Amino acid sequence: MTSTTHSPARHRSLGDHTWRDQAVCQSTEYNPVDPEIFFPDPDETDKITAAKALCNQCPVRRTCLDAALEGSDANGIRGGLTEEERRPLHEKIADRLDYSRVNETVSGRDIHLTTAERTAVVHAAYHHGLSTQRLAWLLKVTEEHAKKLYREHRRALRNRDLNQPATTTASPEAGGEHLSRDDFGTAA
């Protein structure tokens, strides 16, 4: 799994493209920008440098990169990265686990989720006692599918508990301290 992010970023909602209005690359009367600089050939280093310089000033750079990754947009410079620089990120996007995205989804926001984040939403919803109707609404699935996700989650928890080796707790006299999984909190 890829690294976990704990960012305070505000994630775009499903179908939300209003962030583009804030992008530095949008050509206006007062800020003429040639869109061709964002689609350079690999050997056009001047265009690449100019495009990246604009991206570095952009207030929605992270959102642009997320939109490119989530939409499998592999063309041009997006979010300050070239096609070649984004390729490894495209390959790992399904494994991205950003708890801020999970938390926003559990609180009711419609945002893009990766496979790992959807699994974390199921985990958090189950442990917070959310109904199958609420989980279905959060993940935009049928209620029947939400029930299936909860069954699979309960089965995974049961199997995990059955497969855990018996642990021995250190005696207080030995100066040992036993920590359980509850000492570490939850994903959401």
N, C-alpha and C. Protein backbone atom coordinates (compact mmCIF):
# COMPACT_ATOMS: atom_id res chain seq x y z
N MET A 1 0.83 -1.17 0.00
CA MET A 1 0.00 0.00 0.00
C MET A 1 0.88 1.24 0.00
N THR A 2 0.43 2.29 -0.63
CA THR A 2 1.22 3.51 -0.69
C THR A 2 1.09 4.27 0.61
N SER A 3 1.86 5.32 0.72
CA SER A 3 1.87 6.07 1.96
C SER A 3 0.52 6.71 2.26
N THR A 4 0.27 6.88 3.51
CA THR A 4 -0.97 7.47 3.99
C THR A 4 -0.78 8.97 4.12
N THR A 5 -1.79 9.71 3.73
CA THR A 5 -1.72 11.16 3.78
C THR A 5 -2.70 11.68 4.82
N HIS A 6 -2.28 12.66 5.57
CA HIS A 6 -3.16 13.32 6.54
C HIS A 6 -3.17 14.80 6.19
N SER A 7 -3.82 15.15 5.10
CA SER A 7 -3.80 16.53 4.66
C SER A 7 -5.12 17.21 4.98
N PRO A 8 -5.05 18.51 5.27
CA PRO A 8 -6.28 19.25 5.54
C PRO A 8 -6.95 19.74 4.26
N ALA A 9 -6.52 19.21 3.12
CA ALA A 9 -7.03 19.68 1.83
C ALA A 9 -8.54 19.46 1.72
N ARG A 10 -9.18 20.37 1.02
CA ARG A 10 -10.60 20.21 0.73
C ARG A 10 -10.68 19.50 -0.61
N HIS A 11 -11.29 18.35 -0.62
CA HIS A 11 -11.35 17.53 -1.81
C HIS A 11 -12.56 17.90 -2.64
N ARG A 12 -12.42 17.80 -3.94
CA ARG A 12 -13.53 18.17 -4.81
C ARG A 12 -14.62 17.11 -4.76
N SER A 13 -15.83 17.56 -4.92
CA SER A 13 -16.98 16.65 -4.93
C SER A 13 -17.07 15.97 -6.28
N LEU A 14 -17.82 14.88 -6.32
CA LEU A 14 -18.04 14.18 -7.58
C LEU A 14 -18.65 15.14 -8.59
N GLY A 15 -18.09 15.18 -9.78
CA GLY A 15 -18.61 16.02 -10.84
C GLY A 15 -18.32 17.51 -10.69
N ASP A 16 -17.57 17.89 -9.67
CA ASP A 16 -17.27 19.30 -9.44
C ASP A 16 -16.07 19.72 -10.28
N HIS A 17 -16.29 20.65 -11.17
CA HIS A 17 -15.21 21.19 -12.00
C HIS A 17 -15.03 22.68 -11.77
N THR A 18 -15.64 23.21 -10.72
CA THR A 18 -15.55 24.64 -10.45
C THR A 18 -14.13 25.06 -10.07
N TRP A 19 -13.31 24.12 -9.62
CA TRP A 19 -11.93 24.44 -9.27
C TRP A 19 -11.17 24.99 -10.47
N ARG A 20 -11.58 24.62 -11.66
CA ARG A 20 -10.88 25.08 -12.87
C ARG A 20 -10.94 26.59 -13.01
N ASP A 21 -11.98 27.23 -12.47
CA ASP A 21 -12.09 28.68 -12.54
C ASP A 21 -10.95 29.38 -11.79
N GLN A 22 -10.37 28.70 -10.80
CA GLN A 22 -9.29 29.27 -10.01
C GLN A 22 -7.91 28.93 -10.54
N ALA A 23 -7.85 28.08 -11.57
CA ALA A 23 -6.57 27.61 -12.10
C ALA A 23 -5.82 28.74 -12.81
N VAL A 24 -4.54 28.80 -12.58
CA VAL A 24 -3.68 29.81 -13.19
C VAL A 24 -3.58 29.59 -14.71
N CYS A 25 -3.80 28.39 -15.16
CA CYS A 25 -3.65 28.08 -16.58
C CYS A 25 -4.85 28.53 -17.42
N GLN A 26 -5.91 29.01 -16.78
CA GLN A 26 -7.08 29.49 -17.51
C GLN A 26 -6.76 30.85 -18.13
N SER A 27 -6.87 30.91 -19.42
CA SER A 27 -6.57 32.14 -20.13
C SER A 27 -7.70 33.15 -19.94
N THR A 28 -7.34 34.36 -19.58
CA THR A 28 -8.31 35.45 -19.43
C THR A 28 -7.78 36.67 -20.19
N GLU A 29 -8.58 37.70 -20.22
CA GLU A 29 -8.18 38.93 -20.89
C GLU A 29 -6.91 39.50 -20.27
N TYR A 30 -6.79 39.38 -18.95
CA TYR A 30 -5.65 39.94 -18.23
C TYR A 30 -4.52 38.94 -18.02
N ASN A 31 -4.80 37.69 -18.27
CA ASN A 31 -3.80 36.64 -18.08
C ASN A 31 -3.84 35.69 -19.28
N PRO A 32 -3.31 36.12 -20.43
CA PRO A 32 -3.35 35.25 -21.60
C PRO A 32 -2.37 34.08 -21.44
N VAL A 33 -2.88 32.88 -21.53
CA VAL A 33 -2.06 31.68 -21.39
C VAL A 33 -2.27 30.82 -22.62
N ASP A 34 -1.18 30.41 -23.22
CA ASP A 34 -1.25 29.53 -24.39
C ASP A 34 -1.41 28.10 -23.89
N PRO A 35 -2.55 27.46 -24.13
CA PRO A 35 -2.77 26.10 -23.63
C PRO A 35 -1.79 25.08 -24.22
N GLU A 36 -1.16 25.40 -25.32
CA GLU A 36 -0.22 24.47 -25.96
C GLU A 36 1.01 24.21 -25.09
N ILE A 37 1.34 25.14 -24.17
CA ILE A 37 2.53 24.89 -23.35
C ILE A 37 2.31 23.71 -22.40
N PHE A 38 1.06 23.32 -22.17
CA PHE A 38 0.77 22.21 -21.28
C PHE A 38 0.76 20.86 -22.00
N PHE A 39 1.01 20.89 -23.31
CA PHE A 39 1.07 19.66 -24.10
C PHE A 39 2.33 19.64 -24.96
N PRO A 40 3.50 19.76 -24.29
CA PRO A 40 4.75 19.80 -25.04
C PRO A 40 5.22 18.41 -25.47
N ASP A 41 6.07 18.39 -26.47
CA ASP A 41 6.77 17.15 -26.80
C ASP A 41 7.83 16.95 -25.73
N PRO A 42 8.28 15.72 -25.53
CA PRO A 42 9.25 15.45 -24.46
C PRO A 42 10.55 16.27 -24.55
N ASP A 43 10.93 16.68 -25.75
CA ASP A 43 12.18 17.42 -25.90
C ASP A 43 11.99 18.94 -25.85
N GLU A 44 10.77 19.42 -25.66
CA GLU A 44 10.49 20.85 -25.57
C GLU A 44 10.61 21.32 -24.12
N THR A 45 11.86 21.39 -23.65
CA THR A 45 12.11 21.70 -22.25
C THR A 45 11.67 23.11 -21.86
N ASP A 46 11.71 24.06 -22.79
CA ASP A 46 11.27 25.42 -22.48
C ASP A 46 9.78 25.44 -22.15
N LYS A 47 8.97 24.73 -22.92
CA LYS A 47 7.53 24.66 -22.67
C LYS A 47 7.26 23.95 -21.34
N ILE A 48 7.99 22.87 -21.09
CA ILE A 48 7.81 22.12 -19.84
C ILE A 48 8.13 23.02 -18.65
N THR A 49 9.23 23.75 -18.73
CA THR A 49 9.63 24.65 -17.64
C THR A 49 8.59 25.74 -17.43
N ALA A 50 8.10 26.33 -18.52
CA ALA A 50 7.10 27.40 -18.41
C ALA A 50 5.80 26.87 -17.81
N ALA A 51 5.36 25.70 -18.24
CA ALA A 51 4.12 25.12 -17.72
C ALA A 51 4.26 24.80 -16.23
N LYS A 52 5.38 24.22 -15.84
CA LYS A 52 5.59 23.88 -14.43
C LYS A 52 5.68 25.14 -13.57
N ALA A 53 6.25 26.21 -14.12
CA ALA A 53 6.33 27.47 -13.37
C ALA A 53 4.93 28.01 -13.10
N LEU A 54 4.03 27.91 -14.08
CA LEU A 54 2.64 28.33 -13.86
C LEU A 54 1.98 27.44 -12.82
N CYS A 55 2.18 26.13 -12.93
CA CYS A 55 1.57 25.19 -11.98
C CYS A 55 2.04 25.47 -10.55
N ASN A 56 3.31 25.85 -10.39
CA ASN A 56 3.83 26.11 -9.05
C ASN A 56 3.16 27.30 -8.38
N GLN A 57 2.54 28.19 -9.16
CA GLN A 57 1.83 29.34 -8.62
C GLN A 57 0.35 29.07 -8.39
N CYS A 58 -0.12 27.94 -8.83
CA CYS A 58 -1.55 27.67 -8.90
C CYS A 58 -2.15 27.26 -7.54
N PRO A 59 -3.25 27.88 -7.13
CA PRO A 59 -3.87 27.53 -5.85
C PRO A 59 -4.63 26.20 -5.89
N VAL A 60 -4.89 25.67 -7.07
CA VAL A 60 -5.64 24.41 -7.17
C VAL A 60 -4.77 23.30 -7.79
N ARG A 61 -3.48 23.41 -7.59
CA ARG A 61 -2.54 22.44 -8.16
C ARG A 61 -2.84 21.01 -7.71
N ARG A 62 -3.06 20.83 -6.42
CA ARG A 62 -3.33 19.48 -5.88
C ARG A 62 -4.64 18.93 -6.43
N THR A 63 -5.64 19.77 -6.53
CA THR A 63 -6.93 19.35 -7.07
C THR A 63 -6.79 18.95 -8.52
N CYS A 64 -6.01 19.70 -9.27
CA CYS A 64 -5.76 19.40 -10.68
C CYS A 64 -5.07 18.04 -10.82
N LEU A 65 -4.07 17.81 -9.98
CA LEU A 65 -3.36 16.52 -10.02
C LEU A 65 -4.31 15.38 -9.65
N ASP A 66 -5.10 15.56 -8.60
CA ASP A 66 -6.08 14.53 -8.22
C ASP A 66 -7.06 14.25 -9.35
N ALA A 67 -7.54 15.30 -10.00
CA ALA A 67 -8.49 15.12 -11.11
C ALA A 67 -7.84 14.35 -12.25
N ALA A 68 -6.59 14.64 -12.54
CA ALA A 68 -5.89 13.92 -13.61
C ALA A 68 -5.71 12.45 -13.24
N LEU A 69 -5.35 12.17 -12.00
CA LEU A 69 -5.14 10.79 -11.58
C LEU A 69 -6.45 10.02 -11.50
N GLU A 70 -7.48 10.65 -10.93
CA GLU A 70 -8.76 9.97 -10.76
C GLU A 70 -9.47 9.76 -12.09
N GLY A 71 -9.22 10.64 -13.04
CA GLY A 71 -9.84 10.54 -14.36
C GLY A 71 -8.97 9.82 -15.37
N SER A 72 -7.86 9.27 -14.91
CA SER A 72 -6.90 8.57 -15.78
C SER A 72 -6.45 9.44 -16.95
N ASP A 73 -6.33 10.74 -16.69
CA ASP A 73 -5.88 11.68 -17.71
C ASP A 73 -4.36 11.60 -17.79
N ALA A 74 -3.87 11.00 -18.85
CA ALA A 74 -2.44 10.78 -18.99
C ALA A 74 -1.77 11.77 -19.93
N ASN A 75 -2.50 12.73 -20.46
CA ASN A 75 -1.94 13.65 -21.45
C ASN A 75 -1.59 15.00 -20.84
N GLY A 76 -0.46 15.54 -21.26
CA GLY A 76 -0.07 16.89 -20.88
C GLY A 76 0.44 17.03 -19.47
N ILE A 77 0.72 18.27 -19.11
CA ILE A 77 1.19 18.59 -17.77
C ILE A 77 -0.04 18.94 -16.94
N ARG A 78 -0.21 18.22 -15.85
CA ARG A 78 -1.36 18.43 -14.96
C ARG A 78 -0.83 18.42 -13.52
N GLY A 79 -1.28 19.37 -12.74
CA GLY A 79 -0.85 19.42 -11.34
C GLY A 79 0.64 19.60 -11.16
N GLY A 80 1.29 20.17 -12.15
CA GLY A 80 2.73 20.40 -12.06
C GLY A 80 3.59 19.22 -12.44
N LEU A 81 2.99 18.15 -12.93
CA LEU A 81 3.76 16.96 -13.30
C LEU A 81 3.55 16.61 -14.77
N THR A 82 4.60 16.14 -15.38
CA THR A 82 4.51 15.70 -16.77
C THR A 82 3.86 14.33 -16.83
N GLU A 83 3.56 13.88 -18.03
CA GLU A 83 2.96 12.56 -18.22
C GLU A 83 3.84 11.48 -17.61
N GLU A 84 5.16 11.58 -17.84
CA GLU A 84 6.10 10.58 -17.32
C GLU A 84 6.17 10.60 -15.80
N GLU A 85 6.08 11.79 -15.22
CA GLU A 85 6.13 11.90 -13.75
C GLU A 85 4.85 11.39 -13.10
N ARG A 86 3.74 11.49 -13.81
CA ARG A 86 2.45 11.01 -13.25
C ARG A 86 2.26 9.51 -13.43
N ARG A 87 2.95 8.91 -14.37
CA ARG A 87 2.74 7.48 -14.67
C ARG A 87 2.81 6.59 -13.43
N PRO A 88 3.84 6.71 -12.58
CA PRO A 88 3.87 5.85 -11.37
C PRO A 88 2.69 6.13 -10.43
N LEU A 89 2.25 7.37 -10.39
CA LEU A 89 1.11 7.72 -9.54
C LEU A 89 -0.17 7.10 -10.09
N HIS A 90 -0.33 7.10 -11.41
CA HIS A 90 -1.49 6.46 -12.04
C HIS A 90 -1.53 4.98 -11.68
N GLU A 91 -0.36 4.34 -11.69
CA GLU A 91 -0.30 2.90 -11.40
C GLU A 91 -0.67 2.58 -9.96
N LYS A 92 -0.44 3.53 -9.05
CA LYS A 92 -0.67 3.29 -7.62
C LYS A 92 -1.95 3.92 -7.09
N ILE A 93 -2.73 4.58 -7.94
CA ILE A 93 -3.88 5.34 -7.46
C ILE A 93 -4.90 4.49 -6.71
N ALA A 94 -5.10 3.25 -7.13
CA ALA A 94 -6.09 2.40 -6.47
C ALA A 94 -5.71 2.10 -5.02
N ASP A 95 -4.41 2.18 -4.71
CA ASP A 95 -3.95 1.88 -3.36
C ASP A 95 -3.82 3.11 -2.47
N ARG A 96 -4.10 4.29 -3.03
CA ARG A 96 -3.96 5.51 -2.22
C ARG A 96 -4.94 5.44 -1.06
N LEU A 97 -4.45 5.78 0.12
CA LEU A 97 -5.29 5.78 1.32
C LEU A 97 -5.06 7.10 2.04
N ASP A 98 -5.99 8.00 1.84
CA ASP A 98 -5.91 9.33 2.44
C ASP A 98 -7.08 9.43 3.43
N TYR A 99 -6.77 9.42 4.71
CA TYR A 99 -7.81 9.41 5.72
C TYR A 99 -8.66 10.67 5.71
N SER A 100 -8.12 11.78 5.20
CA SER A 100 -8.96 12.98 5.12
C SER A 100 -10.09 12.76 4.12
N ARG A 101 -9.84 11.99 3.07
CA ARG A 101 -10.88 11.67 2.09
C ARG A 101 -11.91 10.72 2.71
N VAL A 102 -11.43 9.75 3.48
CA VAL A 102 -12.32 8.80 4.16
C VAL A 102 -13.21 9.55 5.15
N ASN A 103 -12.62 10.43 5.95
CA ASN A 103 -13.39 11.18 6.94
C ASN A 103 -14.44 12.07 6.27
N GLU A 104 -14.06 12.72 5.18
CA GLU A 104 -15.03 13.58 4.49
C GLU A 104 -16.18 12.76 3.93
N THR A 105 -15.90 11.56 3.43
CA THR A 105 -16.95 10.71 2.90
C THR A 105 -17.89 10.25 4.02
N VAL A 106 -17.33 9.81 5.14
CA VAL A 106 -18.15 9.36 6.26
C VAL A 106 -19.02 10.51 6.78
N SER A 107 -18.52 11.74 6.66
CA SER A 107 -19.31 12.89 7.12
C SER A 107 -20.34 13.34 6.09
N GLY A 108 -20.36 12.67 4.91
CA GLY A 108 -21.42 12.94 3.95
C GLY A 108 -21.02 13.63 2.67
N ARG A 109 -19.75 13.92 2.44
CA ARG A 109 -19.34 14.58 1.20
C ARG A 109 -19.19 13.55 0.09
N ASP A 110 -19.57 13.92 -1.11
CA ASP A 110 -19.42 13.07 -2.29
C ASP A 110 -18.08 13.35 -2.94
N ILE A 111 -17.08 12.55 -2.62
CA ILE A 111 -15.76 12.77 -3.22
C ILE A 111 -15.29 11.49 -3.88
N HIS A 112 -14.33 11.63 -4.76
CA HIS A 112 -13.75 10.48 -5.44
C HIS A 112 -12.97 9.66 -4.43
N LEU A 113 -13.16 8.34 -4.48
CA LEU A 113 -12.45 7.44 -3.57
C LEU A 113 -11.72 6.37 -4.36
N THR A 114 -10.57 5.98 -3.85
CA THR A 114 -9.86 4.85 -4.43
C THR A 114 -10.42 3.56 -3.82
N THR A 115 -9.95 2.44 -4.31
CA THR A 115 -10.38 1.15 -3.77
C THR A 115 -10.04 1.04 -2.29
N ALA A 116 -8.82 1.44 -1.92
CA ALA A 116 -8.41 1.37 -0.52
C ALA A 116 -9.24 2.31 0.35
N GLU A 117 -9.57 3.48 -0.17
CA GLU A 117 -10.38 4.43 0.60
C GLU A 117 -11.81 3.94 0.77
N ARG A 118 -12.36 3.29 -0.25
CA ARG A 118 -13.72 2.73 -0.13
C ARG A 118 -13.75 1.66 0.96
N THR A 119 -12.72 0.82 1.01
CA THR A 119 -12.62 -0.20 2.05
C THR A 119 -12.54 0.45 3.43
N ALA A 120 -11.78 1.54 3.53
CA ALA A 120 -11.66 2.24 4.81
C ALA A 120 -12.98 2.88 5.22
N VAL A 121 -13.76 3.34 4.26
CA VAL A 121 -15.08 3.91 4.56
C VAL A 121 -15.99 2.82 5.14
N VAL A 122 -15.96 1.63 4.55
CA VAL A 122 -16.77 0.52 5.07
C VAL A 122 -16.35 0.22 6.50
N HIS A 123 -15.04 0.16 6.74
CA HIS A 123 -14.51 -0.12 8.07
C HIS A 123 -14.98 0.94 9.07
N ALA A 124 -14.82 2.21 8.71
CA ALA A 124 -15.21 3.30 9.61
C ALA A 124 -16.72 3.30 9.84
N ALA A 125 -17.49 3.11 8.78
CA ALA A 125 -18.96 3.11 8.91
C ALA A 125 -19.41 1.98 9.82
N TYR A 126 -18.82 0.81 9.67
CA TYR A 126 -19.18 -0.36 10.51
C TYR A 126 -18.87 -0.06 11.98
N HIS A 127 -17.68 0.46 12.22
CA HIS A 127 -17.28 0.71 13.61
C HIS A 127 -17.99 1.90 14.24
N HIS A 128 -18.55 2.78 13.43
CA HIS A 128 -19.35 3.89 13.95
C HIS A 128 -20.83 3.53 14.01
N GLY A 129 -21.17 2.31 13.60
CA GLY A 129 -22.55 1.85 13.69
C GLY A 129 -23.49 2.49 12.68
N LEU A 130 -22.98 2.90 11.53
CA LEU A 130 -23.85 3.49 10.52
C LEU A 130 -24.72 2.40 9.90
N SER A 131 -25.92 2.76 9.55
CA SER A 131 -26.85 1.79 8.96
C SER A 131 -26.42 1.42 7.55
N THR A 132 -26.98 0.31 7.07
CA THR A 132 -26.68 -0.09 5.68
C THR A 132 -27.23 0.95 4.71
N GLN A 133 -28.34 1.58 5.06
CA GLN A 133 -28.89 2.63 4.20
C GLN A 133 -27.90 3.79 4.07
N ARG A 134 -27.30 4.18 5.18
CA ARG A 134 -26.34 5.29 5.17
C ARG A 134 -25.08 4.90 4.39
N LEU A 135 -24.58 3.68 4.60
CA LEU A 135 -23.40 3.23 3.86
C LEU A 135 -23.71 3.20 2.36
N ALA A 136 -24.88 2.72 2.00
CA ALA A 136 -25.27 2.69 0.59
C ALA A 136 -25.27 4.09 0.00
N TRP A 137 -25.80 5.04 0.76
CA TRP A 137 -25.85 6.42 0.29
C TRP A 137 -24.44 7.01 0.16
N LEU A 138 -23.58 6.73 1.15
CA LEU A 138 -22.21 7.26 1.13
C LEU A 138 -21.42 6.76 -0.07
N LEU A 139 -21.55 5.46 -0.36
CA LEU A 139 -20.76 4.85 -1.43
C LEU A 139 -21.48 4.83 -2.78
N LYS A 140 -22.71 5.32 -2.81
CA LYS A 140 -23.50 5.34 -4.05
C LYS A 140 -23.68 3.93 -4.60
N VAL A 141 -24.08 3.01 -3.70
CA VAL A 141 -24.35 1.62 -4.08
C VAL A 141 -25.75 1.27 -3.60
N THR A 142 -26.22 0.10 -3.99
CA THR A 142 -27.54 -0.33 -3.52
C THR A 142 -27.45 -0.74 -2.06
N GLU A 143 -28.60 -0.78 -1.41
CA GLU A 143 -28.64 -1.21 -0.03
C GLU A 143 -28.21 -2.67 0.09
N GLU A 144 -28.58 -3.46 -0.89
CA GLU A 144 -28.18 -4.87 -0.89
C GLU A 144 -26.66 -5.01 -0.96
N HIS A 145 -26.04 -4.17 -1.78
CA HIS A 145 -24.58 -4.21 -1.88
C HIS A 145 -23.94 -3.74 -0.58
N ALA A 146 -24.53 -2.74 0.07
CA ALA A 146 -24.01 -2.27 1.36
C ALA A 146 -24.08 -3.39 2.40
N LYS A 147 -25.18 -4.16 2.40
CA LYS A 147 -25.29 -5.30 3.31
C LYS A 147 -24.18 -6.30 3.04
N LYS A 148 -23.90 -6.54 1.76
CA LYS A 148 -22.83 -7.47 1.38
C LYS A 148 -21.48 -6.95 1.87
N LEU A 149 -21.23 -5.66 1.73
CA LEU A 149 -19.97 -5.08 2.20
C LEU A 149 -19.82 -5.25 3.71
N TYR A 150 -20.90 -5.03 4.46
CA TYR A 150 -20.86 -5.23 5.91
C TYR A 150 -20.61 -6.71 6.25
N ARG A 151 -21.28 -7.63 5.53
CA ARG A 151 -21.04 -9.06 5.78
C ARG A 151 -19.58 -9.42 5.54
N GLU A 152 -19.03 -8.93 4.44
CA GLU A 152 -17.62 -9.21 4.13
C GLU A 152 -16.70 -8.62 5.19
N HIS A 153 -17.04 -7.44 5.68
CA HIS A 153 -16.22 -6.80 6.71
C HIS A 153 -16.28 -7.59 8.02
N ARG A 154 -17.49 -8.02 8.42
CA ARG A 154 -17.62 -8.84 9.63
C ARG A 154 -16.84 -10.15 9.50
N ARG A 155 -16.92 -10.77 8.31
CA ARG A 155 -16.19 -12.01 8.06
C ARG A 155 -14.68 -11.77 8.16
N ALA A 156 -14.20 -10.69 7.59
CA ALA A 156 -12.77 -10.38 7.65
C ALA A 156 -12.32 -10.14 9.09
N LEU A 157 -13.15 -9.45 9.87
CA LEU A 157 -12.81 -9.23 11.28
C LEU A 157 -12.78 -10.55 12.04
N ARG A 158 -13.77 -11.39 11.80
CA ARG A 158 -13.82 -12.69 12.47
C ARG A 158 -12.60 -13.53 12.10
N ASN A 159 -12.28 -13.58 10.83
CA ASN A 159 -11.13 -14.38 10.39
C ASN A 159 -9.82 -13.81 10.93
N ARG A 160 -9.73 -12.50 11.00
CA ARG A 160 -8.52 -11.89 11.56
C ARG A 160 -8.37 -12.28 13.02
N ASP A 161 -9.49 -12.23 13.76
CA ASP A 161 -9.43 -12.58 15.18
C ASP A 161 -9.12 -14.06 15.39
N LEU A 162 -9.63 -14.93 14.50
CA LEU A 162 -9.35 -16.36 14.61
C LEU A 162 -7.91 -16.69 14.27
N ASN A 163 -7.32 -15.92 13.36
CA ASN A 163 -5.97 -16.21 12.90
C ASN A 163 -4.88 -15.53 13.71
N GLN A 164 -5.26 -14.68 14.65
CA GLN A 164 -4.25 -14.02 15.47
C GLN A 164 -3.70 -15.00 16.48
N PRO A 165 -2.38 -15.07 16.59
CA PRO A 165 -1.81 -15.97 17.60
C PRO A 165 -2.09 -15.41 18.99
N ALA A 166 -2.20 -16.32 19.93
CA ALA A 166 -2.43 -15.90 21.31
C ALA A 166 -1.21 -15.12 21.77
N THR A 167 -1.45 -13.96 22.34
CA THR A 167 -0.34 -13.15 22.83
C THR A 167 -0.30 -13.24 24.33
N THR A 168 0.87 -13.16 24.82
CA THR A 168 1.04 -13.16 26.27
C THR A 168 1.35 -11.75 26.69
N THR A 169 0.73 -11.33 27.75
CA THR A 169 0.99 -9.99 28.24
C THR A 169 2.14 -10.04 29.21
N ALA A 170 2.97 -9.04 29.13
CA ALA A 170 4.10 -8.96 30.05
C ALA A 170 3.60 -8.59 31.43
N SER A 171 4.19 -9.16 32.40
CA SER A 171 3.75 -8.88 33.77
C SER A 171 4.19 -7.47 34.16
N PRO A 172 3.40 -6.81 35.00
CA PRO A 172 3.79 -5.46 35.43
C PRO A 172 5.13 -5.44 36.13
N GLU A 173 5.47 -6.56 36.80
CA GLU A 173 6.75 -6.61 37.50
C GLU A 173 7.91 -6.56 36.51
N ALA A 174 7.69 -7.07 35.30
CA ALA A 174 8.76 -7.09 34.31
C ALA A 174 8.89 -5.74 33.61
N GLY A 175 8.01 -4.81 33.94
CA GLY A 175 8.07 -3.47 33.34
C GLY A 175 7.47 -3.42 31.94
N GLY A 176 6.79 -4.50 31.53
CA GLY A 176 6.20 -4.53 30.19
C GLY A 176 4.85 -3.82 30.17
N GLU A 177 4.47 -3.40 28.97
CA GLU A 177 3.19 -2.73 28.80
C GLU A 177 2.48 -3.39 27.63
N HIS A 178 1.25 -3.80 27.83
CA HIS A 178 0.49 -4.45 26.77
C HIS A 178 -0.44 -3.44 26.12
N LEU A 179 -0.33 -3.31 24.80
CA LEU A 179 -1.21 -2.42 24.06
C LEU A 179 -2.13 -3.25 23.19
N SER A 180 -3.39 -2.90 23.18
CA SER A 180 -4.33 -3.59 22.31
C SER A 180 -4.60 -2.70 21.10
N ARG A 181 -5.33 -3.27 20.10
CA ARG A 181 -5.61 -2.48 18.91
C ARG A 181 -6.50 -1.28 19.20
N ASP A 182 -7.23 -1.31 20.31
CA ASP A 182 -8.09 -0.19 20.68
C ASP A 182 -7.28 1.01 21.15
N ASP A 183 -6.02 0.79 21.48
CA ASP A 183 -5.18 1.88 21.94
C ASP A 183 -4.72 2.79 20.79
N PHE A 184 -5.00 2.40 19.55
CA PHE A 184 -4.50 3.13 18.42
C PHE A 184 -5.56 3.91 17.66
N GLY A 185 -6.81 3.83 18.01
CA GLY A 185 -7.85 4.59 17.36
C GLY A 185 -8.33 3.93 16.09
N THR A 186 -9.18 4.63 15.34
CA THR A 186 -9.74 4.09 14.12
C THR A 186 -9.35 4.95 12.94
N ALA A 187 -9.74 4.50 11.76
CA ALA A 187 -9.40 5.22 10.53
C ALA A 187 -10.19 6.51 10.41
N ALA A 188 -11.33 6.57 11.01
CA ALA A 188 -12.14 7.79 10.86
C ALA A 188 -12.61 8.28 12.20
